[in-house]
Structures are given as C-alpha cells and as structure tokens.
Amino acid sequence: MVARLVYLGTPELAVAPLRALVAAGHDIELVVSRADRRRGRGTALSPSPVKAAALELGLAVTDRLDAIDPAVVELGVVVAYGRIIPADLLEQLPMVNLHFSLLPRWRGAARSSGPSWPATR
C-alpha cells in the first residue's frame, strides 16, 4: 500500500528513513524540517540534513508546520523532528513517531516519573 505522507525530521539520523520511504514508493507530499541555520564562523545559512536530502530527492520542503494540509496527506511520519507538534494538528492527522532510544521509557521527560534506572531482569 502506497500512502501520501508528510515527513517531519531534522538531523542526519532521520535521512535514512526518509530515503527508505521514497524507495518504497510512498508519495511524500511535504517534508518539514527546521529552518536553515548559520554554522561555523561564516554568515551563510546551512540546511538541516533532512532538508538537504529532501531537496536532493526533489521533494517539497518547508520549516512551517502550518503548511501541512491534513486533507492532502494520510499520515505524518515523525523522525527526530525536534519541535513540539501542536495538539490541533495531532488531532487532524494521524502520525507515527520513529524513536531511536533503546529504552524510551527511561529517557527525557518520562524519566522524572519513574526510577532513575531500569531494574535488571
């Protein structure tokens, strides 16, 4: 089944899943990544790795979440996007989140609600 997708991602580790979705024949309607940033000592702007890959693949790219049209896409794929997705967009468009942590229950904000380290088996 080929789906019309919106892809949200930013760092280098989010490039491989984007390329895999394209290779599998999915229709990526839009890629959302962070805005270009200045890197190093120069004043030139540099795109995120996901934006660079999307442009190389000929995909439409934006840094604005409000550019997503839930009527056009069937699913959002989120891979290390790095920004909070507004609740109203989550209510309008089903999304899946690829998470790279081996122990996501014990990482980030979830850590404050549980033990400091998982018990061994």
N, C-alpha and C. Protein backbone atom coordinates (compact mmCIF):
# COMPACT_ATOMS: atom_id res chain seq x y z
N MET A 1 0.84 -1.18 0.00
CA MET A 1 0.00 0.00 0.00
C MET A 1 0.89 1.25 0.00
N VAL A 2 0.66 2.12 -0.92
CA VAL A 2 1.40 3.37 -1.01
C VAL A 2 0.56 4.46 -0.36
N ALA A 3 1.19 5.23 0.51
CA ALA A 3 0.47 6.27 1.25
C ALA A 3 1.02 7.64 0.88
N ARG A 4 0.15 8.64 0.99
CA ARG A 4 0.57 10.04 0.85
C ARG A 4 1.00 10.52 2.22
N LEU A 5 2.25 10.93 2.34
CA LEU A 5 2.82 11.24 3.64
C LEU A 5 3.34 12.67 3.74
N VAL A 6 3.42 13.13 4.99
CA VAL A 6 4.22 14.29 5.32
C VAL A 6 5.31 13.77 6.26
N TYR A 7 6.54 14.19 6.03
CA TYR A 7 7.69 13.70 6.79
C TYR A 7 8.25 14.84 7.61
N LEU A 8 8.39 14.64 8.92
CA LEU A 8 8.94 15.65 9.81
C LEU A 8 10.23 15.12 10.41
N GLY A 9 11.35 15.77 10.13
CA GLY A 9 12.63 15.33 10.64
C GLY A 9 13.67 16.41 10.47
N THR A 10 14.80 16.27 11.17
CA THR A 10 15.84 17.29 11.11
C THR A 10 17.25 16.71 10.98
N PRO A 11 17.75 15.88 11.92
CA PRO A 11 19.17 15.52 11.90
C PRO A 11 19.51 14.42 10.90
N GLU A 12 20.78 14.14 10.80
CA GLU A 12 21.30 13.14 9.87
C GLU A 12 20.66 11.77 10.07
N LEU A 13 20.40 11.36 11.30
CA LEU A 13 19.82 10.04 11.52
C LEU A 13 18.39 9.92 11.01
N ALA A 14 17.76 11.03 10.66
CA ALA A 14 16.42 11.00 10.09
C ALA A 14 16.43 10.93 8.57
N VAL A 15 17.62 10.96 7.96
CA VAL A 15 17.71 10.92 6.50
C VAL A 15 17.43 9.51 5.96
N ALA A 16 17.99 8.49 6.58
CA ALA A 16 17.80 7.12 6.09
C ALA A 16 16.33 6.70 6.05
N PRO A 17 15.53 6.98 7.09
CA PRO A 17 14.10 6.63 7.00
C PRO A 17 13.38 7.38 5.87
N LEU A 18 13.76 8.65 5.64
CA LEU A 18 13.17 9.40 4.53
C LEU A 18 13.49 8.73 3.20
N ARG A 19 14.75 8.38 3.01
CA ARG A 19 15.16 7.73 1.76
C ARG A 19 14.45 6.36 1.60
N ALA A 20 14.28 5.64 2.70
CA ALA A 20 13.61 4.34 2.64
C ALA A 20 12.14 4.48 2.23
N LEU A 21 11.47 5.49 2.76
CA LEU A 21 10.07 5.73 2.38
C LEU A 21 9.95 6.06 0.90
N VAL A 22 10.85 6.89 0.40
CA VAL A 22 10.84 7.24 -1.02
C VAL A 22 11.13 6.00 -1.86
N ALA A 23 12.13 5.21 -1.46
CA ALA A 23 12.49 3.99 -2.20
C ALA A 23 11.35 2.98 -2.21
N ALA A 24 10.54 2.98 -1.15
CA ALA A 24 9.41 2.05 -1.08
C ALA A 24 8.23 2.53 -1.91
N GLY A 25 8.35 3.71 -2.50
CA GLY A 25 7.30 4.20 -3.39
C GLY A 25 6.26 5.06 -2.74
N HIS A 26 6.46 5.44 -1.49
CA HIS A 26 5.48 6.32 -0.84
C HIS A 26 5.54 7.71 -1.43
N ASP A 27 4.40 8.34 -1.48
CA ASP A 27 4.28 9.69 -2.02
C ASP A 27 4.50 10.68 -0.89
N ILE A 28 5.68 11.28 -0.82
CA ILE A 28 5.99 12.26 0.21
C ILE A 28 5.55 13.62 -0.32
N GLU A 29 4.40 14.08 0.16
CA GLU A 29 3.85 15.35 -0.30
C GLU A 29 4.65 16.55 0.19
N LEU A 30 5.20 16.43 1.41
CA LEU A 30 5.89 17.57 2.01
C LEU A 30 6.86 17.06 3.07
N VAL A 31 8.01 17.70 3.16
CA VAL A 31 8.98 17.43 4.22
C VAL A 31 9.06 18.69 5.07
N VAL A 32 8.93 18.52 6.38
CA VAL A 32 9.03 19.64 7.31
C VAL A 32 10.29 19.43 8.14
N SER A 33 11.17 20.44 8.12
CA SER A 33 12.40 20.37 8.88
C SER A 33 12.63 21.74 9.51
N ARG A 34 13.65 21.84 10.36
CA ARG A 34 13.91 23.12 10.99
C ARG A 34 14.40 24.12 9.96
N ALA A 35 14.29 25.39 10.30
CA ALA A 35 14.76 26.45 9.42
C ALA A 35 16.28 26.37 9.27
N ASP A 36 16.79 26.85 8.14
CA ASP A 36 18.23 26.90 7.92
C ASP A 36 18.89 27.69 9.05
N ARG A 37 20.11 27.27 9.41
CA ARG A 37 20.84 27.93 10.49
C ARG A 37 22.23 28.30 10.04
N ARG A 38 22.78 29.26 10.72
CA ARG A 38 24.17 29.64 10.47
C ARG A 38 25.06 28.61 11.17
N ARG A 39 26.11 28.20 10.47
CA ARG A 39 27.05 27.24 11.04
C ARG A 39 28.46 27.79 10.88
N GLY A 40 29.28 27.52 11.86
CA GLY A 40 30.66 27.97 11.78
C GLY A 40 30.78 29.48 11.91
N ARG A 41 31.85 30.02 11.36
CA ARG A 41 32.13 31.44 11.50
C ARG A 41 31.52 32.28 10.39
N GLY A 42 31.10 31.65 9.33
CA GLY A 42 30.55 32.40 8.21
C GLY A 42 29.12 32.84 8.46
N THR A 43 28.61 33.60 7.54
CA THR A 43 27.24 34.08 7.67
C THR A 43 26.29 33.31 6.78
N ALA A 44 26.82 32.33 6.04
CA ALA A 44 25.98 31.55 5.14
C ALA A 44 25.06 30.63 5.94
N LEU A 45 23.84 30.50 5.47
CA LEU A 45 22.88 29.59 6.10
C LEU A 45 23.12 28.17 5.60
N SER A 46 22.89 27.21 6.48
CA SER A 46 23.08 25.81 6.16
C SER A 46 21.78 25.05 6.43
N PRO A 47 21.33 24.23 5.48
CA PRO A 47 20.10 23.47 5.71
C PRO A 47 20.34 22.30 6.66
N SER A 48 19.26 21.80 7.26
CA SER A 48 19.37 20.58 8.06
C SER A 48 19.68 19.41 7.12
N PRO A 49 20.23 18.33 7.66
CA PRO A 49 20.49 17.15 6.81
C PRO A 49 19.22 16.62 6.12
N VAL A 50 18.09 16.64 6.81
CA VAL A 50 16.84 16.17 6.19
C VAL A 50 16.42 17.09 5.05
N LYS A 51 16.54 18.39 5.24
CA LYS A 51 16.18 19.32 4.17
C LYS A 51 17.08 19.10 2.96
N ALA A 52 18.38 18.96 3.18
CA ALA A 52 19.30 18.74 2.08
C ALA A 52 18.95 17.46 1.32
N ALA A 53 18.65 16.38 2.04
CA ALA A 53 18.28 15.12 1.40
C ALA A 53 16.97 15.25 0.64
N ALA A 54 16.00 15.93 1.23
CA ALA A 54 14.70 16.11 0.57
C ALA A 54 14.86 16.88 -0.74
N LEU A 55 15.66 17.93 -0.72
CA LEU A 55 15.89 18.71 -1.94
C LEU A 55 16.59 17.85 -2.99
N GLU A 56 17.54 17.03 -2.56
CA GLU A 56 18.23 16.12 -3.47
C GLU A 56 17.25 15.14 -4.10
N LEU A 57 16.24 14.72 -3.33
CA LEU A 57 15.23 13.78 -3.82
C LEU A 57 14.12 14.46 -4.60
N GLY A 58 14.17 15.78 -4.68
CA GLY A 58 13.15 16.52 -5.43
C GLY A 58 11.84 16.70 -4.69
N LEU A 59 11.89 16.67 -3.37
CA LEU A 59 10.67 16.80 -2.56
C LEU A 59 10.45 18.24 -2.12
N ALA A 60 9.20 18.60 -1.91
CA ALA A 60 8.85 19.92 -1.39
C ALA A 60 9.25 19.99 0.08
N VAL A 61 9.86 21.10 0.50
CA VAL A 61 10.36 21.25 1.87
C VAL A 61 9.90 22.59 2.44
N THR A 62 9.59 22.58 3.74
CA THR A 62 9.26 23.81 4.45
C THR A 62 9.75 23.69 5.89
N ASP A 63 9.76 24.82 6.58
CA ASP A 63 10.06 24.80 8.01
C ASP A 63 8.82 25.19 8.81
N ARG A 64 7.67 25.27 8.14
CA ARG A 64 6.43 25.71 8.79
C ARG A 64 5.44 24.55 8.95
N LEU A 65 5.04 24.30 10.19
CA LEU A 65 4.04 23.26 10.44
C LEU A 65 2.68 23.64 9.86
N ASP A 66 2.39 24.92 9.77
CA ASP A 66 1.09 25.33 9.24
C ASP A 66 0.97 25.10 7.73
N ALA A 67 2.04 24.67 7.09
CA ALA A 67 1.99 24.33 5.67
C ALA A 67 1.43 22.93 5.43
N ILE A 68 1.29 22.15 6.49
CA ILE A 68 0.75 20.79 6.37
C ILE A 68 -0.76 20.87 6.18
N ASP A 69 -1.25 20.22 5.12
CA ASP A 69 -2.68 20.18 4.84
C ASP A 69 -3.19 18.77 5.12
N PRO A 70 -3.85 18.57 6.27
CA PRO A 70 -4.34 17.22 6.62
C PRO A 70 -5.32 16.64 5.60
N ALA A 71 -5.91 17.47 4.75
CA ALA A 71 -6.82 16.98 3.73
C ALA A 71 -6.07 16.35 2.56
N VAL A 72 -4.78 16.65 2.42
CA VAL A 72 -3.99 16.16 1.30
C VAL A 72 -3.20 14.91 1.64
N VAL A 73 -2.77 14.78 2.89
CA VAL A 73 -1.94 13.64 3.29
C VAL A 73 -2.71 12.70 4.20
N GLU A 74 -2.27 11.44 4.22
CA GLU A 74 -2.94 10.42 5.02
C GLU A 74 -2.27 10.19 6.37
N LEU A 75 -0.96 10.48 6.44
CA LEU A 75 -0.20 10.13 7.62
C LEU A 75 1.02 11.03 7.74
N GLY A 76 1.36 11.36 8.97
CA GLY A 76 2.60 12.06 9.25
C GLY A 76 3.61 11.08 9.82
N VAL A 77 4.85 11.17 9.36
CA VAL A 77 5.93 10.34 9.87
C VAL A 77 6.92 11.28 10.55
N VAL A 78 7.13 11.09 11.85
CA VAL A 78 7.98 11.97 12.64
C VAL A 78 9.24 11.20 13.04
N VAL A 79 10.41 11.74 12.67
CA VAL A 79 11.68 11.11 13.00
C VAL A 79 12.63 12.20 13.48
N ALA A 80 12.83 12.29 14.78
CA ALA A 80 13.78 13.25 15.36
C ALA A 80 13.52 14.66 14.84
N TYR A 81 12.27 15.08 14.89
CA TYR A 81 11.90 16.39 14.36
C TYR A 81 12.45 17.53 15.21
N GLY A 82 12.32 17.45 16.53
CA GLY A 82 12.94 18.44 17.40
C GLY A 82 12.07 19.61 17.81
N ARG A 83 10.81 19.60 17.43
CA ARG A 83 9.88 20.63 17.87
C ARG A 83 8.59 19.97 18.34
N ILE A 84 7.85 20.67 19.19
CA ILE A 84 6.57 20.16 19.64
C ILE A 84 5.54 20.36 18.55
N ILE A 85 4.80 19.31 18.27
CA ILE A 85 3.74 19.37 17.25
C ILE A 85 2.46 19.78 17.96
N PRO A 86 1.79 20.83 17.49
CA PRO A 86 0.58 21.31 18.17
C PRO A 86 -0.52 20.25 18.24
N ALA A 87 -1.25 20.27 19.33
CA ALA A 87 -2.31 19.28 19.56
C ALA A 87 -3.36 19.30 18.45
N ASP A 88 -3.70 20.47 17.93
CA ASP A 88 -4.73 20.54 16.89
C ASP A 88 -4.28 19.80 15.62
N LEU A 89 -3.00 19.86 15.28
CA LEU A 89 -2.51 19.12 14.13
C LEU A 89 -2.53 17.62 14.41
N LEU A 90 -2.16 17.22 15.63
CA LEU A 90 -2.20 15.81 16.00
C LEU A 90 -3.62 15.26 15.97
N GLU A 91 -4.60 16.09 16.26
CA GLU A 91 -6.00 15.66 16.22
C GLU A 91 -6.49 15.51 14.78
N GLN A 92 -5.93 16.28 13.86
CA GLN A 92 -6.39 16.27 12.47
C GLN A 92 -5.70 15.23 11.60
N LEU A 93 -4.46 14.86 11.97
CA LEU A 93 -3.66 14.00 11.12
C LEU A 93 -3.01 12.88 11.95
N PRO A 94 -3.28 11.63 11.62
CA PRO A 94 -2.60 10.55 12.34
C PRO A 94 -1.09 10.63 12.07
N MET A 95 -0.31 10.35 13.10
CA MET A 95 1.14 10.40 12.97
C MET A 95 1.77 9.20 13.66
N VAL A 96 2.90 8.78 13.11
CA VAL A 96 3.73 7.76 13.75
C VAL A 96 5.07 8.41 14.06
N ASN A 97 5.67 7.99 15.17
CA ASN A 97 6.93 8.56 15.61
C ASN A 97 7.96 7.45 15.69
N LEU A 98 9.01 7.56 14.89
CA LEU A 98 10.12 6.63 14.96
C LEU A 98 11.08 7.15 16.02
N HIS A 99 11.28 6.35 17.07
CA HIS A 99 12.10 6.77 18.20
C HIS A 99 13.32 5.87 18.26
N PHE A 100 14.51 6.46 18.38
CA PHE A 100 15.75 5.70 18.29
C PHE A 100 16.29 5.20 19.62
N SER A 101 15.72 5.61 20.73
CA SER A 101 16.24 5.19 22.02
C SER A 101 15.93 3.71 22.25
N LEU A 102 16.88 2.99 22.81
CA LEU A 102 16.64 1.60 23.14
C LEU A 102 15.73 1.48 24.36
N LEU A 103 15.72 2.49 25.20
CA LEU A 103 14.91 2.48 26.41
C LEU A 103 14.09 3.77 26.49
N PRO A 104 13.14 3.99 25.57
CA PRO A 104 12.43 5.28 25.56
C PRO A 104 11.66 5.56 26.85
N ARG A 105 11.28 4.54 27.58
CA ARG A 105 10.55 4.76 28.83
C ARG A 105 11.42 5.48 29.85
N TRP A 106 12.72 5.32 29.76
CA TRP A 106 13.62 5.88 30.76
C TRP A 106 14.39 7.10 30.25
N ARG A 107 13.98 7.67 29.15
CA ARG A 107 14.69 8.82 28.59
C ARG A 107 13.86 10.09 28.72
N GLY A 108 14.52 11.22 28.66
CA GLY A 108 13.86 12.52 28.57
C GLY A 108 12.89 12.79 29.70
N ALA A 109 11.76 13.41 29.34
CA ALA A 109 10.77 13.85 30.32
C ALA A 109 10.15 12.68 31.08
N ALA A 110 10.06 11.51 30.44
CA ALA A 110 9.46 10.35 31.11
C ALA A 110 10.29 9.91 32.31
N ARG A 111 11.56 10.25 32.32
CA ARG A 111 12.45 9.81 33.40
C ARG A 111 12.02 10.36 34.75
N SER A 112 11.45 11.55 34.77
CA SER A 112 11.10 12.16 36.06
C SER A 112 9.96 11.43 36.77
N SER A 113 9.20 10.62 36.02
CA SER A 113 8.06 9.93 36.63
C SER A 113 8.38 8.49 37.03
N GLY A 114 9.62 8.06 36.79
CA GLY A 114 9.95 6.68 37.10
C GLY A 114 11.27 6.58 37.83
N PRO A 115 11.74 5.36 38.05
CA PRO A 115 13.02 5.18 38.72
C PRO A 115 14.15 5.76 37.88
N SER A 116 15.29 6.02 38.53
CA SER A 116 16.39 6.64 37.83
C SER A 116 17.07 5.68 36.85
N TRP A 117 16.90 4.39 37.02
CA TRP A 117 17.48 3.43 36.10
C TRP A 117 16.62 2.16 36.13
N PRO A 118 16.41 1.53 34.96
CA PRO A 118 15.54 0.34 34.95
C PRO A 118 16.13 -0.81 35.75
N ALA A 119 15.27 -1.56 36.36
CA ALA A 119 15.70 -2.74 37.11
C ALA A 119 16.17 -3.81 36.14
N THR A 120 17.13 -4.60 36.53
CA THR A 120 17.60 -5.68 35.68
C THR A 120 16.65 -6.85 35.78
N ARG A 121 16.69 -7.69 34.78
CA ARG A 121 15.76 -8.83 34.73
C ARG A 121 16.30 -10.00 35.50
